[in-house]
Amino acid sequence: MGRFLPHPDDVPVELTLLKHECISRQRLHTISLGGMACNYHRAWRHGTALEVRMPTLNPDLRFLGYVAWCLRRKRGYLVGIAFVDEQMLFSARMGEQVCQIERYCRLHDAHDDLQEAQALALEWVQQHADEFSHDTVRKAFAQPVLD
């Protein structure tokens, strides 16, 4: 099973129900390839088609996916969202990377100093960028070779 990147709690995420016709059911095989995991106030049924938005990151960005799993927590639910294809997964991972960098800079109180924020962002990228790379996504979508 693929890795579901944890979405930071301090970056709001919106999940909106989509009609299944909006996303091809043939793409459900991507659920095992990973995606993102976020805390949410309500439960979602496995296989539910969703639109994922992170309005503070960019109000126009929308990622289409399916609920891969949903776990009850003390306060709400942890929802695993798989994306419909390689490009959508890569785009969502890039969005998650920006969220993680912003969070990293906030943890180091670098919100007022642009140079410090840039240095911290570079530091984060050097430590974690491989987890978000296109090659990582491409490997997840590689089909096994059959004899």
N, C-alpha and C. Protein backbone atom coordinates (compact mmCIF):
# COMPACT_ATOMS: atom_id res chain seq x y z
N MET A 1 0.84 -1.17 0.00
CA MET A 1 0.00 0.00 0.00
C MET A 1 0.88 1.23 0.00
N GLY A 2 0.48 2.25 -0.73
CA GLY A 2 1.25 3.48 -0.82
C GLY A 2 1.20 4.29 0.45
N ARG A 3 2.02 5.30 0.50
CA ARG A 3 2.12 6.15 1.69
C ARG A 3 1.12 7.30 1.57
N PHE A 4 0.40 7.55 2.64
CA PHE A 4 -0.53 8.66 2.72
C PHE A 4 0.13 9.77 3.54
N LEU A 5 0.50 10.86 2.88
CA LEU A 5 1.19 11.95 3.54
C LEU A 5 0.26 12.65 4.53
N PRO A 6 0.73 12.88 5.75
CA PRO A 6 -0.13 13.56 6.72
C PRO A 6 -0.25 15.05 6.41
N HIS A 7 -1.47 15.53 6.33
CA HIS A 7 -1.72 16.94 6.09
C HIS A 7 -1.65 17.67 7.43
N PRO A 8 -0.93 18.81 7.49
CA PRO A 8 -0.83 19.52 8.77
C PRO A 8 -2.17 20.07 9.24
N ASP A 9 -2.47 19.88 10.51
CA ASP A 9 -3.75 20.31 11.07
C ASP A 9 -3.95 21.82 11.03
N ASP A 10 -2.85 22.58 11.03
CA ASP A 10 -2.99 24.03 11.06
C ASP A 10 -3.20 24.65 9.68
N VAL A 11 -3.34 23.81 8.64
CA VAL A 11 -3.67 24.29 7.30
C VAL A 11 -5.05 23.72 6.96
N PRO A 12 -6.06 24.59 6.88
CA PRO A 12 -7.42 24.10 6.64
C PRO A 12 -7.54 23.33 5.33
N VAL A 13 -8.35 22.27 5.38
CA VAL A 13 -8.65 21.49 4.19
C VAL A 13 -10.17 21.38 4.09
N GLU A 14 -10.68 21.48 2.87
CA GLU A 14 -12.11 21.32 2.62
C GLU A 14 -12.32 20.10 1.74
N LEU A 15 -13.24 19.24 2.16
CA LEU A 15 -13.60 18.06 1.38
C LEU A 15 -15.04 18.23 0.93
N THR A 16 -15.28 18.10 -0.37
CA THR A 16 -16.61 18.27 -0.93
C THR A 16 -17.00 17.01 -1.70
N LEU A 17 -18.18 16.52 -1.42
CA LEU A 17 -18.70 15.33 -2.09
C LEU A 17 -18.89 15.61 -3.58
N LEU A 18 -18.47 14.66 -4.41
CA LEU A 18 -18.68 14.73 -5.85
C LEU A 18 -19.56 13.56 -6.27
N LYS A 19 -20.31 13.76 -7.33
CA LYS A 19 -21.03 12.63 -7.92
C LYS A 19 -20.00 11.70 -8.54
N HIS A 20 -20.22 10.40 -8.44
CA HIS A 20 -19.25 9.44 -8.97
C HIS A 20 -19.01 9.62 -10.46
N GLU A 21 -19.98 10.18 -11.17
CA GLU A 21 -19.80 10.36 -12.61
C GLU A 21 -18.71 11.38 -12.91
N CYS A 22 -18.36 12.22 -11.92
CA CYS A 22 -17.34 13.25 -12.12
C CYS A 22 -15.95 12.65 -12.25
N ILE A 23 -15.76 11.44 -11.74
CA ILE A 23 -14.47 10.77 -11.78
C ILE A 23 -14.68 9.35 -12.28
N SER A 24 -13.88 8.95 -13.23
CA SER A 24 -14.00 7.62 -13.80
C SER A 24 -13.81 6.54 -12.75
N ARG A 25 -14.71 5.60 -12.67
CA ARG A 25 -14.60 4.47 -11.72
C ARG A 25 -13.43 3.56 -12.10
N GLN A 26 -12.98 3.63 -13.36
CA GLN A 26 -11.85 2.80 -13.79
C GLN A 26 -10.56 3.18 -13.06
N ARG A 27 -10.52 4.36 -12.47
CA ARG A 27 -9.31 4.84 -11.82
C ARG A 27 -9.22 4.43 -10.36
N LEU A 28 -10.15 3.64 -9.87
CA LEU A 28 -10.14 3.25 -8.47
C LEU A 28 -8.89 2.45 -8.08
N HIS A 29 -8.18 1.88 -9.05
CA HIS A 29 -6.97 1.12 -8.74
C HIS A 29 -5.91 1.98 -8.08
N THR A 30 -6.01 3.30 -8.18
CA THR A 30 -5.01 4.19 -7.59
C THR A 30 -5.12 4.27 -6.07
N ILE A 31 -6.18 3.76 -5.48
CA ILE A 31 -6.36 3.86 -4.04
C ILE A 31 -5.19 3.22 -3.29
N SER A 32 -4.60 2.18 -3.82
CA SER A 32 -3.51 1.51 -3.12
C SER A 32 -2.17 2.24 -3.28
N LEU A 33 -2.13 3.32 -4.05
CA LEU A 33 -0.87 3.99 -4.35
C LEU A 33 -0.52 5.10 -3.40
N GLY A 34 -1.38 5.40 -2.47
CA GLY A 34 -1.09 6.46 -1.52
C GLY A 34 -1.82 7.75 -1.86
N GLY A 35 -1.56 8.77 -1.09
CA GLY A 35 -2.23 10.04 -1.28
C GLY A 35 -1.96 10.93 -0.08
N MET A 36 -3.02 11.50 0.48
CA MET A 36 -2.87 12.33 1.67
C MET A 36 -3.83 11.87 2.75
N ALA A 37 -3.48 12.16 3.98
CA ALA A 37 -4.35 11.84 5.11
C ALA A 37 -4.58 13.14 5.88
N CYS A 38 -5.85 13.42 6.16
CA CYS A 38 -6.16 14.65 6.89
C CYS A 38 -7.20 14.37 7.97
N ASN A 39 -7.13 15.17 9.02
CA ASN A 39 -8.14 15.11 10.06
C ASN A 39 -9.35 15.89 9.56
N TYR A 40 -10.53 15.34 9.83
CA TYR A 40 -11.75 15.98 9.37
C TYR A 40 -12.85 15.76 10.39
N HIS A 41 -13.82 16.65 10.42
CA HIS A 41 -14.86 16.60 11.45
C HIS A 41 -15.93 15.55 11.21
N ARG A 42 -15.98 14.98 10.02
CA ARG A 42 -17.00 13.97 9.73
C ARG A 42 -16.39 12.77 9.03
N ALA A 43 -17.13 11.67 9.07
CA ALA A 43 -16.69 10.44 8.41
C ALA A 43 -17.08 10.46 6.94
N TRP A 44 -16.33 9.72 6.14
CA TRP A 44 -16.64 9.53 4.72
C TRP A 44 -16.59 8.04 4.42
N ARG A 45 -17.48 7.58 3.58
CA ARG A 45 -17.53 6.17 3.18
C ARG A 45 -16.42 5.85 2.18
N HIS A 46 -15.83 4.67 2.32
CA HIS A 46 -14.79 4.18 1.40
C HIS A 46 -15.29 4.28 -0.04
N GLY A 47 -14.47 4.82 -0.92
CA GLY A 47 -14.82 4.92 -2.33
C GLY A 47 -15.56 6.19 -2.71
N THR A 48 -15.90 7.03 -1.74
CA THR A 48 -16.61 8.27 -2.02
C THR A 48 -15.73 9.21 -2.84
N ALA A 49 -16.27 9.75 -3.92
CA ALA A 49 -15.54 10.72 -4.75
C ALA A 49 -15.57 12.08 -4.07
N LEU A 50 -14.38 12.70 -3.95
CA LEU A 50 -14.25 13.98 -3.27
C LEU A 50 -13.45 14.98 -4.09
N GLU A 51 -13.73 16.24 -3.82
CA GLU A 51 -12.87 17.32 -4.27
C GLU A 51 -12.16 17.83 -3.02
N VAL A 52 -10.84 17.94 -3.09
CA VAL A 52 -10.03 18.41 -1.97
C VAL A 52 -9.53 19.81 -2.29
N ARG A 53 -9.75 20.72 -1.35
CA ARG A 53 -9.26 22.09 -1.51
C ARG A 53 -8.50 22.50 -0.25
N MET A 54 -7.51 23.34 -0.44
CA MET A 54 -6.77 23.97 0.65
C MET A 54 -6.82 25.47 0.41
N PRO A 55 -7.91 26.11 0.84
CA PRO A 55 -8.16 27.51 0.47
C PRO A 55 -7.08 28.49 0.89
N THR A 56 -6.38 28.24 1.99
CA THR A 56 -5.32 29.18 2.38
C THR A 56 -4.08 29.03 1.51
N LEU A 57 -3.92 27.88 0.89
CA LEU A 57 -2.79 27.65 -0.01
C LEU A 57 -3.06 28.32 -1.35
N ASN A 58 -4.21 28.00 -1.93
CA ASN A 58 -4.65 28.61 -3.18
C ASN A 58 -6.12 28.25 -3.35
N PRO A 59 -7.02 29.24 -3.30
CA PRO A 59 -8.45 28.94 -3.36
C PRO A 59 -8.91 28.31 -4.68
N ASP A 60 -8.09 28.40 -5.71
CA ASP A 60 -8.48 27.85 -7.01
C ASP A 60 -8.01 26.42 -7.24
N LEU A 61 -7.10 25.93 -6.40
CA LEU A 61 -6.60 24.56 -6.57
C LEU A 61 -7.61 23.56 -6.06
N ARG A 62 -7.88 22.55 -6.89
CA ARG A 62 -8.79 21.48 -6.53
C ARG A 62 -8.17 20.16 -6.97
N PHE A 63 -8.23 19.20 -6.06
CA PHE A 63 -7.68 17.88 -6.34
C PHE A 63 -8.82 16.86 -6.26
N LEU A 64 -8.95 16.03 -7.28
CA LEU A 64 -10.02 15.03 -7.31
C LEU A 64 -9.47 13.70 -6.80
N GLY A 65 -10.25 13.07 -5.93
CA GLY A 65 -9.81 11.80 -5.38
C GLY A 65 -10.96 11.00 -4.81
N TYR A 66 -10.58 9.90 -4.18
CA TYR A 66 -11.52 8.98 -3.54
C TYR A 66 -11.09 8.74 -2.10
N VAL A 67 -12.05 8.46 -1.25
CA VAL A 67 -11.75 8.06 0.11
C VAL A 67 -11.20 6.63 0.06
N ALA A 68 -9.95 6.48 0.47
CA ALA A 68 -9.33 5.15 0.50
C ALA A 68 -9.64 4.46 1.83
N TRP A 69 -9.72 5.24 2.90
CA TRP A 69 -10.04 4.73 4.23
C TRP A 69 -10.43 5.90 5.12
N CYS A 70 -11.11 5.58 6.21
CA CYS A 70 -11.55 6.60 7.16
C CYS A 70 -11.53 5.98 8.56
N LEU A 71 -10.75 6.57 9.46
CA LEU A 71 -10.59 6.03 10.80
C LEU A 71 -11.14 7.00 11.84
N ARG A 72 -11.90 6.47 12.79
CA ARG A 72 -12.44 7.31 13.87
C ARG A 72 -11.32 7.66 14.84
N ARG A 73 -11.27 8.91 15.25
CA ARG A 73 -10.30 9.41 16.23
C ARG A 73 -11.05 10.00 17.41
N LYS A 74 -10.33 10.40 18.45
CA LYS A 74 -10.98 11.01 19.60
C LYS A 74 -11.78 12.25 19.21
N ARG A 75 -11.21 13.04 18.33
CA ARG A 75 -11.87 14.26 17.86
C ARG A 75 -12.01 14.19 16.34
N GLY A 76 -13.03 13.58 15.86
CA GLY A 76 -13.28 13.52 14.42
C GLY A 76 -12.75 12.25 13.78
N TYR A 77 -12.24 12.41 12.56
CA TYR A 77 -11.83 11.27 11.74
C TYR A 77 -10.53 11.58 11.01
N LEU A 78 -9.77 10.54 10.74
CA LEU A 78 -8.60 10.64 9.89
C LEU A 78 -9.00 10.01 8.56
N VAL A 79 -8.94 10.81 7.49
CA VAL A 79 -9.42 10.38 6.18
C VAL A 79 -8.24 10.24 5.23
N GLY A 80 -8.10 9.06 4.64
CA GLY A 80 -7.08 8.81 3.62
C GLY A 80 -7.68 9.04 2.25
N ILE A 81 -7.07 9.93 1.48
CA ILE A 81 -7.60 10.28 0.17
C ILE A 81 -6.60 9.88 -0.90
N ALA A 82 -7.04 9.05 -1.82
CA ALA A 82 -6.23 8.64 -2.96
C ALA A 82 -6.65 9.48 -4.16
N PHE A 83 -5.70 9.83 -5.00
CA PHE A 83 -6.00 10.69 -6.13
C PHE A 83 -6.17 9.88 -7.41
N VAL A 84 -6.83 10.48 -8.40
CA VAL A 84 -7.34 9.70 -9.52
C VAL A 84 -6.30 9.30 -10.55
N ASP A 85 -5.19 10.02 -10.63
CA ASP A 85 -4.16 9.65 -11.60
C ASP A 85 -2.82 10.22 -11.16
N GLU A 86 -1.79 9.90 -11.91
CA GLU A 86 -0.43 10.30 -11.56
C GLU A 86 -0.30 11.81 -11.45
N GLN A 87 -0.87 12.54 -12.40
CA GLN A 87 -0.74 14.00 -12.39
C GLN A 87 -1.47 14.61 -11.19
N MET A 88 -2.65 14.11 -10.88
CA MET A 88 -3.41 14.64 -9.74
C MET A 88 -2.67 14.34 -8.43
N LEU A 89 -2.12 13.12 -8.31
CA LEU A 89 -1.36 12.75 -7.12
C LEU A 89 -0.13 13.65 -6.99
N PHE A 90 0.57 13.86 -8.08
CA PHE A 90 1.76 14.71 -8.05
C PHE A 90 1.39 16.14 -7.66
N SER A 91 0.32 16.68 -8.25
CA SER A 91 -0.12 18.04 -7.92
C SER A 91 -0.50 18.17 -6.44
N ALA A 92 -1.23 17.18 -5.95
CA ALA A 92 -1.62 17.20 -4.53
C ALA A 92 -0.40 17.10 -3.63
N ARG A 93 0.56 16.28 -4.01
CA ARG A 93 1.79 16.16 -3.21
C ARG A 93 2.56 17.47 -3.21
N MET A 94 2.57 18.19 -4.33
CA MET A 94 3.24 19.50 -4.37
C MET A 94 2.52 20.48 -3.45
N GLY A 95 1.19 20.44 -3.44
CA GLY A 95 0.42 21.27 -2.52
C GLY A 95 0.75 20.93 -1.08
N GLU A 96 0.84 19.64 -0.80
CA GLU A 96 1.19 19.20 0.56
C GLU A 96 2.61 19.65 0.93
N GLN A 97 3.50 19.64 -0.04
CA GLN A 97 4.87 20.08 0.23
C GLN A 97 4.86 21.56 0.62
N VAL A 98 4.12 22.39 -0.08
CA VAL A 98 4.02 23.81 0.26
C VAL A 98 3.45 23.97 1.68
N CYS A 99 2.42 23.20 2.00
CA CYS A 99 1.84 23.25 3.36
C CYS A 99 2.88 22.90 4.41
N GLN A 100 3.66 21.86 4.15
CA GLN A 100 4.68 21.43 5.11
C GLN A 100 5.78 22.48 5.27
N ILE A 101 6.17 23.11 4.17
CA ILE A 101 7.20 24.15 4.23
C ILE A 101 6.69 25.35 5.02
N GLU A 102 5.46 25.77 4.75
CA GLU A 102 4.88 26.89 5.50
C GLU A 102 4.81 26.58 6.99
N ARG A 103 4.39 25.38 7.30
CA ARG A 103 4.32 24.96 8.70
C ARG A 103 5.71 24.97 9.35
N TYR A 104 6.71 24.45 8.65
CA TYR A 104 8.08 24.42 9.14
C TYR A 104 8.59 25.83 9.43
N CYS A 105 8.30 26.77 8.54
CA CYS A 105 8.71 28.16 8.75
C CYS A 105 7.99 28.78 9.94
N ARG A 106 6.70 28.48 10.09
CA ARG A 106 5.95 29.01 11.25
C ARG A 106 6.50 28.45 12.56
N LEU A 107 6.87 27.17 12.57
CA LEU A 107 7.42 26.57 13.79
C LEU A 107 8.73 27.23 14.21
N HIS A 108 9.43 27.80 13.22
CA HIS A 108 10.69 28.48 13.50
C HIS A 108 10.53 30.00 13.55
N ASP A 109 9.29 30.46 13.68
CA ASP A 109 8.98 31.90 13.78
C ASP A 109 9.65 32.73 12.70
N ALA A 110 9.56 32.28 11.46
CA ALA A 110 10.22 32.98 10.36
C ALA A 110 9.22 33.73 9.48
N HIS A 111 8.06 34.09 9.98
CA HIS A 111 7.05 34.69 9.13
C HIS A 111 7.33 36.15 8.78
N ASP A 112 8.21 36.85 9.49
CA ASP A 112 8.48 38.25 9.19
C ASP A 112 9.78 38.46 8.42
N ASP A 113 10.67 37.51 8.44
CA ASP A 113 11.98 37.66 7.81
C ASP A 113 12.04 36.79 6.55
N LEU A 114 11.96 37.44 5.39
CA LEU A 114 11.91 36.72 4.11
C LEU A 114 13.15 35.86 3.90
N GLN A 115 14.33 36.38 4.19
CA GLN A 115 15.56 35.61 3.99
C GLN A 115 15.60 34.38 4.89
N GLU A 116 15.17 34.55 6.13
CA GLU A 116 15.14 33.41 7.05
C GLU A 116 14.12 32.37 6.58
N ALA A 117 12.97 32.84 6.12
CA ALA A 117 11.95 31.92 5.61
C ALA A 117 12.46 31.16 4.39
N GLN A 118 13.16 31.85 3.50
CA GLN A 118 13.72 31.18 2.32
C GLN A 118 14.77 30.15 2.71
N ALA A 119 15.60 30.49 3.69
CA ALA A 119 16.63 29.55 4.16
C ALA A 119 15.98 28.32 4.80
N LEU A 120 14.93 28.54 5.59
CA LEU A 120 14.23 27.42 6.21
C LEU A 120 13.53 26.55 5.16
N ALA A 121 12.95 27.19 4.16
CA ALA A 121 12.30 26.44 3.08
C ALA A 121 13.32 25.57 2.35
N LEU A 122 14.48 26.12 2.06
CA LEU A 122 15.54 25.36 1.41
C LEU A 122 16.00 24.21 2.29
N GLU A 123 16.13 24.48 3.58
CA GLU A 123 16.51 23.43 4.54
C GLU A 123 15.48 22.30 4.52
N TRP A 124 14.19 22.65 4.55
CA TRP A 124 13.13 21.64 4.53
C TRP A 124 13.20 20.82 3.23
N VAL A 125 13.37 21.50 2.11
CA VAL A 125 13.43 20.82 0.81
C VAL A 125 14.60 19.84 0.77
N GLN A 126 15.75 20.26 1.27
CA GLN A 126 16.92 19.37 1.28
C GLN A 126 16.67 18.13 2.13
N GLN A 127 15.88 18.27 3.19
CA GLN A 127 15.62 17.14 4.09
C GLN A 127 14.49 16.24 3.61
N HIS A 128 13.49 16.80 2.90
CA HIS A 128 12.26 16.04 2.65
C HIS A 128 11.79 15.96 1.20
N ALA A 129 12.41 16.67 0.29
CA ALA A 129 11.89 16.76 -1.08
C ALA A 129 11.78 15.40 -1.78
N ASP A 130 12.65 14.47 -1.46
CA ASP A 130 12.59 13.15 -2.12
C ASP A 130 11.26 12.45 -1.89
N GLU A 131 10.64 12.68 -0.72
CA GLU A 131 9.35 12.06 -0.42
C GLU A 131 8.23 12.58 -1.33
N PHE A 132 8.43 13.75 -1.92
CA PHE A 132 7.40 14.40 -2.72
C PHE A 132 7.73 14.42 -4.20
N SER A 133 8.82 13.81 -4.60
CA SER A 133 9.31 13.93 -5.98
C SER A 133 8.40 13.25 -7.00
N HIS A 134 8.52 13.70 -8.23
CA HIS A 134 7.76 13.11 -9.33
C HIS A 134 8.17 11.65 -9.54
N ASP A 135 9.45 11.35 -9.35
CA ASP A 135 9.92 9.97 -9.49
C ASP A 135 9.24 9.05 -8.49
N THR A 136 9.02 9.53 -7.27
CA THR A 136 8.33 8.74 -6.25
C THR A 136 6.91 8.44 -6.69
N VAL A 137 6.24 9.45 -7.24
CA VAL A 137 4.88 9.27 -7.74
C VAL A 137 4.88 8.33 -8.94
N ARG A 138 5.81 8.54 -9.85
CA ARG A 138 5.87 7.70 -11.05
C ARG A 138 6.10 6.22 -10.68
N LYS A 139 6.96 5.97 -9.70
CA LYS A 139 7.21 4.59 -9.26
C LYS A 139 5.92 3.97 -8.70
N ALA A 140 5.14 4.78 -8.01
CA ALA A 140 3.87 4.26 -7.45
C ALA A 140 2.92 3.85 -8.56
N PHE A 141 2.98 4.53 -9.71
CA PHE A 141 2.07 4.23 -10.81
C PHE A 141 2.65 3.24 -11.81
N ALA A 142 3.91 2.83 -11.63
CA ALA A 142 4.52 1.88 -12.55
C ALA A 142 3.80 0.55 -12.49
N GLN A 143 3.51 0.03 -13.63
CA GLN A 143 2.83 -1.28 -13.70
C GLN A 143 3.87 -2.39 -13.62
N PRO A 144 3.58 -3.47 -12.88
CA PRO A 144 4.54 -4.58 -12.82
C PRO A 144 4.69 -5.24 -14.20
N VAL A 145 5.90 -5.67 -14.47
CA VAL A 145 6.16 -6.36 -15.74
C VAL A 145 5.74 -7.81 -15.62
N LEU A 146 4.93 -8.27 -16.56
CA LEU A 146 4.47 -9.65 -16.55
C LEU A 146 5.23 -10.45 -17.58
N ASP A 147 5.61 -11.68 -17.23
CA ASP A 147 6.33 -12.56 -18.17
C ASP A 147 5.40 -13.12 -19.20
